[in-house]
Amino acid sequence: MDLPFDSLSPMETGMRLHLERLPSDAVIEHRRITDRDELGQLYCAYRATPWRVERPMWDPLARPLRLQDVAGRMEEFSPDNRRHFLSLVDQFKAVSGPVKLRLPAYRLVGGEALLLDGNHRATALWMSGKAIDVTLATLCAPVDRRVLIDLKYWDGGWRRFLNRIRRGTIADRVRRAIRLP
């Protein structure tokens, strides 16, 4: 399979995509996005709690943000990161005509997508208000954190953890309740 992600090393993307763990039937689908609202609905690598953005993956309260959420919480980003976003916004505003980008993504449940690279560019493009022409090269493979750790929010997350605790309550394995006085 010819993957456009071969050149994306974990150091370049900040994502830990394990290409060697992909099943042989994984495919790449290309989708053209010209609607700004559709672009704003893409998930990106940034995570946040209700109180802070740029949260680490190990923070149990942190959730992935959509591009439009990143733009809406721009003031909460570190000054350097915010400057980078705004610099890209200015560059896009200076372009005449629609701005063209090609972005890699991972398909999620329900046809949604998680960007694998280009988070700053995609957010800045959404913020610029310019006409867009984005080609999303979406990797269609199982939503499994063993392929990409960032998928833990979509492959069960807390429900997966709680199901492990409740294993004994499955119909064929009912355990006796212990009653405390």
N, C-alpha and C. Protein backbone atom coordinates (compact mmCIF):
# COMPACT_ATOMS: atom_id res chain seq x y z
N MET A 1 0.86 -1.17 0.00
CA MET A 1 0.00 0.00 0.00
C MET A 1 0.90 1.23 0.00
N ASP A 2 0.58 2.17 -0.85
CA ASP A 2 1.33 3.42 -0.95
C ASP A 2 0.73 4.44 0.01
N LEU A 3 1.41 4.67 1.13
CA LEU A 3 0.89 5.59 2.13
C LEU A 3 1.56 6.94 2.01
N PRO A 4 0.79 8.02 1.98
CA PRO A 4 1.40 9.34 1.94
C PRO A 4 1.98 9.72 3.30
N PHE A 5 1.90 8.82 4.27
CA PHE A 5 2.38 9.10 5.60
C PHE A 5 3.79 8.58 5.84
N ASP A 6 4.38 7.91 4.85
CA ASP A 6 5.70 7.33 5.05
C ASP A 6 6.72 8.36 5.50
N SER A 7 6.60 9.58 5.01
CA SER A 7 7.58 10.59 5.37
C SER A 7 7.28 11.24 6.72
N LEU A 8 6.15 10.93 7.32
CA LEU A 8 5.78 11.54 8.59
C LEU A 8 6.37 10.75 9.74
N SER A 9 7.47 11.20 10.24
CA SER A 9 8.06 10.53 11.39
C SER A 9 7.43 11.10 12.65
N PRO A 10 7.49 10.36 13.76
CA PRO A 10 6.91 10.88 15.00
C PRO A 10 7.51 12.23 15.40
N MET A 11 8.77 12.47 15.06
CA MET A 11 9.39 13.75 15.42
C MET A 11 8.78 14.90 14.63
N GLU A 12 8.36 14.65 13.41
CA GLU A 12 7.79 15.70 12.58
C GLU A 12 6.35 16.02 12.98
N THR A 13 5.59 15.03 13.37
CA THR A 13 4.18 15.25 13.62
C THR A 13 3.82 15.34 15.09
N GLY A 14 4.66 14.82 15.95
CA GLY A 14 4.30 14.76 17.36
C GLY A 14 3.31 13.64 17.62
N MET A 15 2.93 12.92 16.58
CA MET A 15 1.98 11.81 16.72
C MET A 15 2.79 10.51 16.67
N ARG A 16 2.30 9.53 17.38
CA ARG A 16 2.99 8.24 17.39
C ARG A 16 2.21 7.24 16.55
N LEU A 17 2.28 7.43 15.25
CA LEU A 17 1.59 6.56 14.30
C LEU A 17 2.50 5.37 14.00
N HIS A 18 2.01 4.18 14.31
CA HIS A 18 2.79 2.96 14.07
C HIS A 18 2.32 2.31 12.77
N LEU A 19 2.97 2.66 11.68
CA LEU A 19 2.58 2.13 10.37
C LEU A 19 2.71 0.62 10.31
N GLU A 20 3.67 0.07 11.06
CA GLU A 20 3.88 -1.38 11.02
C GLU A 20 2.72 -2.14 11.66
N ARG A 21 1.86 -1.48 12.41
CA ARG A 21 0.73 -2.13 13.06
C ARG A 21 -0.56 -2.02 12.26
N LEU A 22 -0.51 -1.37 11.13
CA LEU A 22 -1.71 -1.23 10.30
C LEU A 22 -2.06 -2.56 9.65
N PRO A 23 -3.33 -2.87 9.57
CA PRO A 23 -3.72 -4.10 8.86
C PRO A 23 -3.49 -3.94 7.36
N SER A 24 -3.40 -5.04 6.67
CA SER A 24 -3.11 -5.00 5.24
C SER A 24 -4.24 -4.38 4.42
N ASP A 25 -5.45 -4.33 4.97
CA ASP A 25 -6.56 -3.78 4.21
C ASP A 25 -6.79 -2.28 4.49
N ALA A 26 -5.88 -1.64 5.20
CA ALA A 26 -6.00 -0.19 5.44
C ALA A 26 -5.85 0.55 4.11
N VAL A 27 -6.67 1.57 3.92
CA VAL A 27 -6.64 2.33 2.67
C VAL A 27 -6.60 3.83 2.96
N ILE A 28 -6.26 4.58 1.93
CA ILE A 28 -6.26 6.03 2.00
C ILE A 28 -7.42 6.54 1.15
N GLU A 29 -8.26 7.36 1.74
CA GLU A 29 -9.34 8.00 0.99
C GLU A 29 -9.04 9.49 0.91
N HIS A 30 -9.29 10.06 -0.25
CA HIS A 30 -9.07 11.50 -0.44
C HIS A 30 -10.42 12.20 -0.44
N ARG A 31 -10.48 13.29 0.30
CA ARG A 31 -11.70 14.06 0.39
C ARG A 31 -11.34 15.54 0.22
N ARG A 32 -12.10 16.20 -0.59
CA ARG A 32 -11.87 17.63 -0.84
C ARG A 32 -12.81 18.43 0.06
N ILE A 33 -12.25 19.38 0.77
CA ILE A 33 -13.03 20.24 1.66
C ILE A 33 -12.93 21.68 1.15
N THR A 34 -14.07 22.24 0.83
CA THR A 34 -14.11 23.65 0.41
C THR A 34 -15.00 24.48 1.33
N ASP A 35 -15.64 23.81 2.29
CA ASP A 35 -16.51 24.49 3.24
C ASP A 35 -15.75 24.73 4.54
N ARG A 36 -15.67 25.98 4.93
CA ARG A 36 -14.93 26.37 6.13
C ARG A 36 -15.48 25.67 7.38
N ASP A 37 -16.80 25.53 7.47
CA ASP A 37 -17.40 24.87 8.64
C ASP A 37 -16.97 23.41 8.73
N GLU A 38 -16.87 22.76 7.59
CA GLU A 38 -16.43 21.36 7.58
C GLU A 38 -14.98 21.25 8.06
N LEU A 39 -14.15 22.19 7.64
CA LEU A 39 -12.76 22.20 8.10
C LEU A 39 -12.71 22.40 9.61
N GLY A 40 -13.52 23.29 10.15
CA GLY A 40 -13.53 23.58 11.58
C GLY A 40 -13.95 22.41 12.44
N GLN A 41 -14.61 21.40 11.84
CA GLN A 41 -15.07 20.24 12.59
C GLN A 41 -14.00 19.15 12.73
N LEU A 42 -12.87 19.29 12.04
CA LEU A 42 -11.81 18.28 12.14
C LEU A 42 -11.18 18.33 13.53
N TYR A 43 -10.86 17.16 14.07
CA TYR A 43 -10.14 17.09 15.34
C TYR A 43 -8.65 17.32 15.07
N CYS A 44 -7.98 17.92 16.03
CA CYS A 44 -6.53 18.13 15.89
C CYS A 44 -5.81 17.54 17.10
N ALA A 45 -4.51 17.67 17.12
CA ALA A 45 -3.70 17.06 18.17
C ALA A 45 -3.77 17.80 19.50
N TYR A 46 -4.34 18.98 19.52
CA TYR A 46 -4.41 19.73 20.78
C TYR A 46 -5.50 19.17 21.68
N ARG A 47 -5.17 19.11 22.98
CA ARG A 47 -6.10 18.63 23.98
C ARG A 47 -6.30 19.73 25.03
N ALA A 48 -7.46 19.72 25.66
CA ALA A 48 -7.74 20.75 26.66
C ALA A 48 -8.69 20.21 27.72
N THR A 49 -8.65 20.85 28.87
CA THR A 49 -9.64 20.65 29.91
C THR A 49 -10.55 21.88 29.86
N PRO A 50 -11.60 21.92 30.63
CA PRO A 50 -12.41 23.14 30.63
C PRO A 50 -11.63 24.37 31.12
N TRP A 51 -10.50 24.13 31.78
CA TRP A 51 -9.76 25.23 32.39
C TRP A 51 -8.49 25.62 31.64
N ARG A 52 -7.91 24.69 30.88
CA ARG A 52 -6.62 24.96 30.23
C ARG A 52 -6.51 24.26 28.89
N VAL A 53 -5.75 24.88 27.98
CA VAL A 53 -5.44 24.24 26.70
C VAL A 53 -4.01 23.74 26.75
N GLU A 54 -3.58 23.07 25.68
CA GLU A 54 -2.24 22.51 25.57
C GLU A 54 -1.95 21.54 26.72
N ARG A 55 -2.89 20.66 26.97
CA ARG A 55 -2.75 19.68 28.04
C ARG A 55 -2.08 18.42 27.52
N PRO A 56 -1.33 17.74 28.37
CA PRO A 56 -0.67 16.50 27.96
C PRO A 56 -1.66 15.35 27.83
N MET A 57 -1.25 14.34 27.10
CA MET A 57 -2.11 13.18 26.87
C MET A 57 -2.45 12.45 28.16
N TRP A 58 -1.55 12.46 29.12
CA TRP A 58 -1.79 11.71 30.36
C TRP A 58 -2.80 12.40 31.27
N ASP A 59 -3.20 13.62 30.99
CA ASP A 59 -4.19 14.31 31.81
C ASP A 59 -5.55 13.64 31.58
N PRO A 60 -6.13 13.00 32.60
CA PRO A 60 -7.37 12.26 32.39
C PRO A 60 -8.58 13.13 32.04
N LEU A 61 -8.51 14.42 32.32
CA LEU A 61 -9.62 15.31 32.01
C LEU A 61 -9.49 15.97 30.64
N ALA A 62 -8.33 15.83 30.01
CA ALA A 62 -8.10 16.48 28.72
C ALA A 62 -8.83 15.74 27.61
N ARG A 63 -9.41 16.50 26.71
CA ARG A 63 -10.13 15.96 25.56
C ARG A 63 -9.60 16.60 24.29
N PRO A 64 -9.65 15.90 23.17
CA PRO A 64 -9.20 16.47 21.90
C PRO A 64 -10.08 17.66 21.50
N LEU A 65 -9.46 18.62 20.83
CA LEU A 65 -10.18 19.80 20.37
C LEU A 65 -10.39 19.75 18.87
N ARG A 66 -11.47 20.35 18.42
CA ARG A 66 -11.69 20.57 16.99
C ARG A 66 -10.98 21.86 16.61
N LEU A 67 -10.71 22.04 15.33
CA LEU A 67 -10.02 23.25 14.88
C LEU A 67 -10.74 24.52 15.33
N GLN A 68 -12.05 24.53 15.22
CA GLN A 68 -12.79 25.73 15.61
C GLN A 68 -12.70 25.97 17.11
N ASP A 69 -12.55 24.90 17.91
CA ASP A 69 -12.37 25.07 19.36
C ASP A 69 -11.01 25.68 19.67
N VAL A 70 -10.00 25.25 18.93
CA VAL A 70 -8.66 25.82 19.11
C VAL A 70 -8.71 27.32 18.83
N ALA A 71 -9.35 27.68 17.73
CA ALA A 71 -9.45 29.09 17.37
C ALA A 71 -10.22 29.88 18.43
N GLY A 72 -11.25 29.28 18.98
CA GLY A 72 -12.05 29.95 19.99
C GLY A 72 -11.34 30.14 21.32
N ARG A 73 -10.32 29.32 21.55
CA ARG A 73 -9.58 29.41 22.82
C ARG A 73 -8.16 29.92 22.59
N MET A 74 -7.94 30.63 21.50
CA MET A 74 -6.60 31.08 21.11
C MET A 74 -5.91 31.88 22.22
N GLU A 75 -6.64 32.69 22.95
CA GLU A 75 -6.04 33.53 24.00
C GLU A 75 -5.44 32.71 25.13
N GLU A 76 -5.83 31.46 25.26
CA GLU A 76 -5.33 30.61 26.34
C GLU A 76 -4.01 29.92 25.98
N PHE A 77 -3.60 29.98 24.71
CA PHE A 77 -2.36 29.32 24.29
C PHE A 77 -1.14 30.11 24.76
N SER A 78 -0.02 29.43 24.83
CA SER A 78 1.22 30.11 25.21
C SER A 78 1.52 31.21 24.19
N PRO A 79 2.19 32.28 24.60
CA PRO A 79 2.46 33.39 23.67
C PRO A 79 3.18 32.96 22.39
N ASP A 80 4.16 32.07 22.49
CA ASP A 80 4.89 31.61 21.30
C ASP A 80 3.98 30.85 20.34
N ASN A 81 3.18 29.97 20.89
CA ASN A 81 2.27 29.18 20.06
C ASN A 81 1.23 30.09 19.41
N ARG A 82 0.68 31.01 20.19
CA ARG A 82 -0.31 31.95 19.66
C ARG A 82 0.28 32.80 18.55
N ARG A 83 1.54 33.25 18.73
CA ARG A 83 2.22 34.04 17.68
C ARG A 83 2.35 33.25 16.39
N HIS A 84 2.67 31.97 16.53
CA HIS A 84 2.82 31.12 15.34
C HIS A 84 1.49 31.00 14.60
N PHE A 85 0.41 30.73 15.33
CA PHE A 85 -0.91 30.67 14.71
C PHE A 85 -1.22 31.97 13.97
N LEU A 86 -1.05 33.09 14.66
CA LEU A 86 -1.43 34.39 14.08
C LEU A 86 -0.54 34.77 12.91
N SER A 87 0.73 34.35 12.93
CA SER A 87 1.62 34.58 11.79
C SER A 87 1.11 33.85 10.55
N LEU A 88 0.67 32.61 10.74
CA LEU A 88 0.12 31.84 9.63
C LEU A 88 -1.19 32.46 9.13
N VAL A 89 -2.01 32.97 10.04
CA VAL A 89 -3.26 33.63 9.63
C VAL A 89 -2.93 34.79 8.71
N ASP A 90 -1.93 35.60 9.08
CA ASP A 90 -1.53 36.74 8.25
C ASP A 90 -1.03 36.30 6.88
N GLN A 91 -0.25 35.20 6.85
CA GLN A 91 0.25 34.68 5.58
C GLN A 91 -0.91 34.24 4.68
N PHE A 92 -1.89 33.56 5.26
CA PHE A 92 -3.03 33.10 4.46
C PHE A 92 -3.87 34.27 3.96
N LYS A 93 -4.03 35.29 4.77
CA LYS A 93 -4.81 36.46 4.35
C LYS A 93 -4.16 37.18 3.18
N ALA A 94 -2.83 37.06 3.06
CA ALA A 94 -2.10 37.73 1.98
C ALA A 94 -2.20 36.99 0.65
N VAL A 95 -2.67 35.75 0.68
CA VAL A 95 -2.79 34.94 -0.53
C VAL A 95 -4.03 35.37 -1.31
N SER A 96 -3.86 35.55 -2.61
CA SER A 96 -5.03 35.86 -3.43
C SER A 96 -5.67 34.55 -3.87
N GLY A 97 -6.96 34.48 -3.79
CA GLY A 97 -7.68 33.26 -4.18
C GLY A 97 -7.74 32.27 -3.04
N PRO A 98 -8.32 31.10 -3.31
CA PRO A 98 -8.44 30.08 -2.26
C PRO A 98 -7.07 29.54 -1.84
N VAL A 99 -6.94 29.23 -0.58
CA VAL A 99 -5.70 28.64 -0.05
C VAL A 99 -5.82 27.13 -0.18
N LYS A 100 -4.79 26.52 -0.76
CA LYS A 100 -4.79 25.07 -0.96
C LYS A 100 -3.85 24.40 0.04
N LEU A 101 -4.36 23.37 0.69
CA LEU A 101 -3.56 22.57 1.61
C LEU A 101 -3.85 21.09 1.37
N ARG A 102 -2.84 20.27 1.63
CA ARG A 102 -3.03 18.82 1.63
C ARG A 102 -2.66 18.34 3.02
N LEU A 103 -3.60 17.72 3.70
CA LEU A 103 -3.40 17.33 5.09
C LEU A 103 -3.65 15.83 5.30
N PRO A 104 -2.80 15.17 6.08
CA PRO A 104 -3.05 13.77 6.42
C PRO A 104 -3.95 13.68 7.64
N ALA A 105 -4.82 12.68 7.66
CA ALA A 105 -5.75 12.49 8.77
C ALA A 105 -5.98 11.01 9.01
N TYR A 106 -6.60 10.71 10.14
CA TYR A 106 -6.99 9.34 10.50
C TYR A 106 -8.50 9.34 10.66
N ARG A 107 -9.17 8.40 10.01
CA ARG A 107 -10.64 8.34 10.09
C ARG A 107 -11.07 7.82 11.46
N LEU A 108 -12.05 8.52 12.03
CA LEU A 108 -12.61 8.15 13.32
C LEU A 108 -13.99 7.55 13.12
N VAL A 109 -14.61 7.18 14.20
CA VAL A 109 -15.98 6.66 14.17
C VAL A 109 -16.91 7.73 13.63
N GLY A 110 -17.85 7.34 12.81
CA GLY A 110 -18.84 8.27 12.28
C GLY A 110 -18.32 9.14 11.15
N GLY A 111 -17.19 8.76 10.56
CA GLY A 111 -16.66 9.52 9.42
C GLY A 111 -15.90 10.77 9.79
N GLU A 112 -15.73 11.05 11.08
CA GLU A 112 -14.95 12.22 11.48
C GLU A 112 -13.47 11.91 11.28
N ALA A 113 -12.63 12.94 11.43
CA ALA A 113 -11.21 12.76 11.17
C ALA A 113 -10.35 13.49 12.19
N LEU A 114 -9.20 12.89 12.49
CA LEU A 114 -8.18 13.46 13.36
C LEU A 114 -6.98 13.82 12.49
N LEU A 115 -6.58 15.09 12.50
CA LEU A 115 -5.41 15.50 11.72
C LEU A 115 -4.15 14.86 12.27
N LEU A 116 -3.31 14.37 11.39
CA LEU A 116 -2.03 13.80 11.80
C LEU A 116 -0.90 14.81 11.69
N ASP A 117 -1.11 15.85 10.92
CA ASP A 117 -0.10 16.89 10.74
C ASP A 117 -0.82 18.13 10.22
N GLY A 118 -0.19 19.28 10.36
CA GLY A 118 -0.76 20.51 9.82
C GLY A 118 -1.78 21.16 10.72
N ASN A 119 -1.71 20.88 12.01
CA ASN A 119 -2.67 21.45 12.96
C ASN A 119 -2.63 22.97 12.98
N HIS A 120 -1.43 23.55 13.01
CA HIS A 120 -1.30 25.00 13.01
C HIS A 120 -1.83 25.59 11.70
N ARG A 121 -1.43 24.99 10.58
CA ARG A 121 -1.85 25.52 9.28
C ARG A 121 -3.36 25.43 9.11
N ALA A 122 -3.93 24.29 9.48
CA ALA A 122 -5.38 24.11 9.31
C ALA A 122 -6.17 25.06 10.20
N THR A 123 -5.72 25.23 11.43
CA THR A 123 -6.41 26.15 12.35
C THR A 123 -6.30 27.58 11.84
N ALA A 124 -5.09 27.96 11.42
CA ALA A 124 -4.88 29.33 10.92
C ALA A 124 -5.70 29.57 9.66
N LEU A 125 -5.81 28.57 8.80
CA LEU A 125 -6.63 28.72 7.60
C LEU A 125 -8.08 28.93 7.98
N TRP A 126 -8.57 28.17 8.94
CA TRP A 126 -9.95 28.34 9.40
C TRP A 126 -10.15 29.74 9.98
N MET A 127 -9.16 30.22 10.75
CA MET A 127 -9.26 31.54 11.37
C MET A 127 -9.18 32.67 10.36
N SER A 128 -8.51 32.44 9.24
CA SER A 128 -8.28 33.51 8.26
C SER A 128 -9.55 33.95 7.55
N GLY A 129 -10.52 33.07 7.47
CA GLY A 129 -11.76 33.41 6.77
C GLY A 129 -11.63 33.34 5.25
N LYS A 130 -10.48 32.91 4.76
CA LYS A 130 -10.23 32.80 3.32
C LYS A 130 -11.00 31.62 2.73
N ALA A 131 -11.18 31.69 1.41
CA ALA A 131 -11.73 30.54 0.69
C ALA A 131 -10.71 29.42 0.77
N ILE A 132 -11.18 28.19 0.95
CA ILE A 132 -10.27 27.07 1.15
C ILE A 132 -10.45 26.00 0.09
N ASP A 133 -9.37 25.27 -0.11
CA ASP A 133 -9.38 24.09 -0.98
C ASP A 133 -8.43 23.09 -0.33
N VAL A 134 -8.97 22.29 0.58
CA VAL A 134 -8.17 21.34 1.36
C VAL A 134 -8.41 19.93 0.85
N THR A 135 -7.33 19.22 0.60
CA THR A 135 -7.43 17.81 0.27
C THR A 135 -7.01 17.04 1.50
N LEU A 136 -7.94 16.27 2.04
CA LEU A 136 -7.69 15.47 3.23
C LEU A 136 -7.38 14.05 2.80
N ALA A 137 -6.16 13.61 3.03
CA ALA A 137 -5.77 12.23 2.75
C ALA A 137 -5.99 11.45 4.04
N THR A 138 -7.08 10.70 4.09
CA THR A 138 -7.51 10.06 5.33
C THR A 138 -7.15 8.59 5.35
N LEU A 139 -6.42 8.21 6.37
CA LEU A 139 -6.07 6.81 6.58
C LEU A 139 -7.27 6.12 7.21
N CYS A 140 -7.78 5.11 6.52
CA CYS A 140 -8.95 4.35 6.99
C CYS A 140 -8.46 3.01 7.52
N ALA A 141 -8.40 2.91 8.83
CA ALA A 141 -7.92 1.72 9.51
C ALA A 141 -8.68 1.62 10.84
N PRO A 142 -8.52 0.51 11.55
CA PRO A 142 -9.22 0.39 12.83
C PRO A 142 -8.85 1.53 13.79
N VAL A 143 -9.84 1.98 14.54
CA VAL A 143 -9.60 3.00 15.56
C VAL A 143 -9.06 2.26 16.77
N ASP A 144 -7.73 2.26 16.89
CA ASP A 144 -7.06 1.45 17.90
C ASP A 144 -5.83 2.21 18.41
N ARG A 145 -5.74 2.39 19.70
CA ARG A 145 -4.62 3.14 20.28
C ARG A 145 -3.27 2.45 20.07
N ARG A 146 -3.28 1.17 19.71
CA ARG A 146 -2.00 0.51 19.42
C ARG A 146 -1.43 0.97 18.09
N VAL A 147 -2.26 1.50 17.22
CA VAL A 147 -1.81 2.08 15.95
C VAL A 147 -1.42 3.54 16.15
N LEU A 148 -2.25 4.25 16.92
CA LEU A 148 -2.01 5.67 17.18
C LEU A 148 -2.54 5.98 18.57
N ILE A 149 -1.64 6.33 19.50
CA ILE A 149 -2.03 6.52 20.90
C ILE A 149 -3.13 7.57 21.05
N ASP A 150 -3.16 8.58 20.18
CA ASP A 150 -4.17 9.63 20.27
C ASP A 150 -5.59 9.09 20.06
N LEU A 151 -5.71 7.89 19.53
CA LEU A 151 -7.03 7.30 19.30
C LEU A 151 -7.67 6.78 20.58
N LYS A 152 -6.96 6.89 21.70
CA LYS A 152 -7.52 6.38 22.95
C LYS A 152 -8.84 7.05 23.32
N TYR A 153 -9.08 8.24 22.81
CA TYR A 153 -10.33 8.93 23.11
C TYR A 153 -11.50 8.35 22.32
N TRP A 154 -11.20 7.62 21.26
CA TRP A 154 -12.25 7.09 20.41
C TRP A 154 -12.35 5.57 20.43
N ASP A 155 -11.37 4.87 20.99
CA ASP A 155 -11.44 3.41 20.99
C ASP A 155 -11.98 2.85 22.29
N GLY A 156 -12.62 3.67 23.07
CA GLY A 156 -13.24 3.20 24.31
C GLY A 156 -12.89 4.07 25.49
N GLY A 157 -11.66 4.55 25.56
CA GLY A 157 -11.25 5.45 26.62
C GLY A 157 -11.65 4.95 28.00
N TRP A 158 -12.34 5.80 28.75
CA TRP A 158 -12.77 5.45 30.11
C TRP A 158 -13.73 4.27 30.11
N ARG A 159 -14.58 4.18 29.07
CA ARG A 159 -15.51 3.05 29.01
C ARG A 159 -14.74 1.74 28.96
N ARG A 160 -13.63 1.74 28.23
CA ARG A 160 -12.81 0.53 28.14
C ARG A 160 -12.29 0.16 29.52
N PHE A 161 -11.81 1.15 30.26
CA PHE A 161 -11.30 0.95 31.61
C PHE A 161 -12.40 0.42 32.53
N LEU A 162 -13.57 1.07 32.49
CA LEU A 162 -14.67 0.65 33.35
C LEU A 162 -15.18 -0.74 32.99
N ASN A 163 -15.16 -1.09 31.72
CA ASN A 163 -15.59 -2.42 31.31
C ASN A 163 -14.68 -3.50 31.87
N ARG A 164 -13.40 -3.18 32.02
CA ARG A 164 -12.48 -4.15 32.62
C ARG A 164 -12.85 -4.39 34.07
N ILE A 165 -13.27 -3.34 34.75
CA ILE A 165 -13.66 -3.48 36.14
C ILE A 165 -14.94 -4.30 36.26
N ARG A 166 -15.87 -4.09 35.32
CA ARG A 166 -17.17 -4.75 35.38
C ARG A 166 -17.20 -6.12 34.71
N ARG A 167 -16.07 -6.67 34.36
CA ARG A 167 -16.07 -7.96 33.65
C ARG A 167 -16.89 -9.02 34.35
N GLY A 168 -16.90 -9.01 35.65
CA GLY A 168 -17.60 -10.03 36.41
C GLY A 168 -19.10 -9.90 36.36
N THR A 169 -19.62 -8.87 35.75
CA THR A 169 -21.07 -8.70 35.71
C THR A 169 -21.67 -9.14 34.39
N ILE A 170 -20.90 -9.71 33.52
CA ILE A 170 -21.41 -10.22 32.25
C ILE A 170 -22.31 -11.41 32.54
N ALA A 171 -23.39 -11.57 31.79
CA ALA A 171 -24.43 -12.57 32.07
C ALA A 171 -23.88 -13.96 32.32
N ASP A 172 -22.90 -14.40 31.56
CA ASP A 172 -22.41 -15.75 31.75
C ASP A 172 -21.35 -15.84 32.85
N ARG A 173 -21.00 -14.74 33.47
CA ARG A 173 -19.98 -14.75 34.51
C ARG A 173 -20.42 -13.93 35.73
N VAL A 174 -21.64 -14.08 36.12
CA VAL A 174 -22.15 -13.29 37.25
C VAL A 174 -21.44 -13.73 38.52
N ARG A 175 -20.91 -12.74 39.23
CA ARG A 175 -20.27 -13.04 40.52
C ARG A 175 -21.23 -12.70 41.64
N ARG A 176 -21.09 -13.42 42.70
CA ARG A 176 -21.93 -13.16 43.87
C ARG A 176 -21.58 -11.82 44.46
N ALA A 177 -22.60 -11.08 44.80
CA ALA A 177 -22.37 -9.79 45.44
C ALA A 177 -21.91 -10.00 46.87
N ILE A 178 -21.00 -9.17 47.29
CA ILE A 178 -20.55 -9.22 48.68
C ILE A 178 -21.26 -8.09 49.40
N ARG A 179 -22.00 -8.45 50.42
CA ARG A 179 -22.75 -7.43 51.17
C ARG A 179 -21.99 -7.11 52.45
N LEU A 180 -21.80 -5.84 52.65
CA LEU A 180 -21.14 -5.39 53.87
C LEU A 180 -22.19 -5.00 54.90
N PRO A 181 -21.91 -5.22 56.18
CA PRO A 181 -22.90 -4.88 57.22
C PRO A 181 -23.15 -3.39 57.31
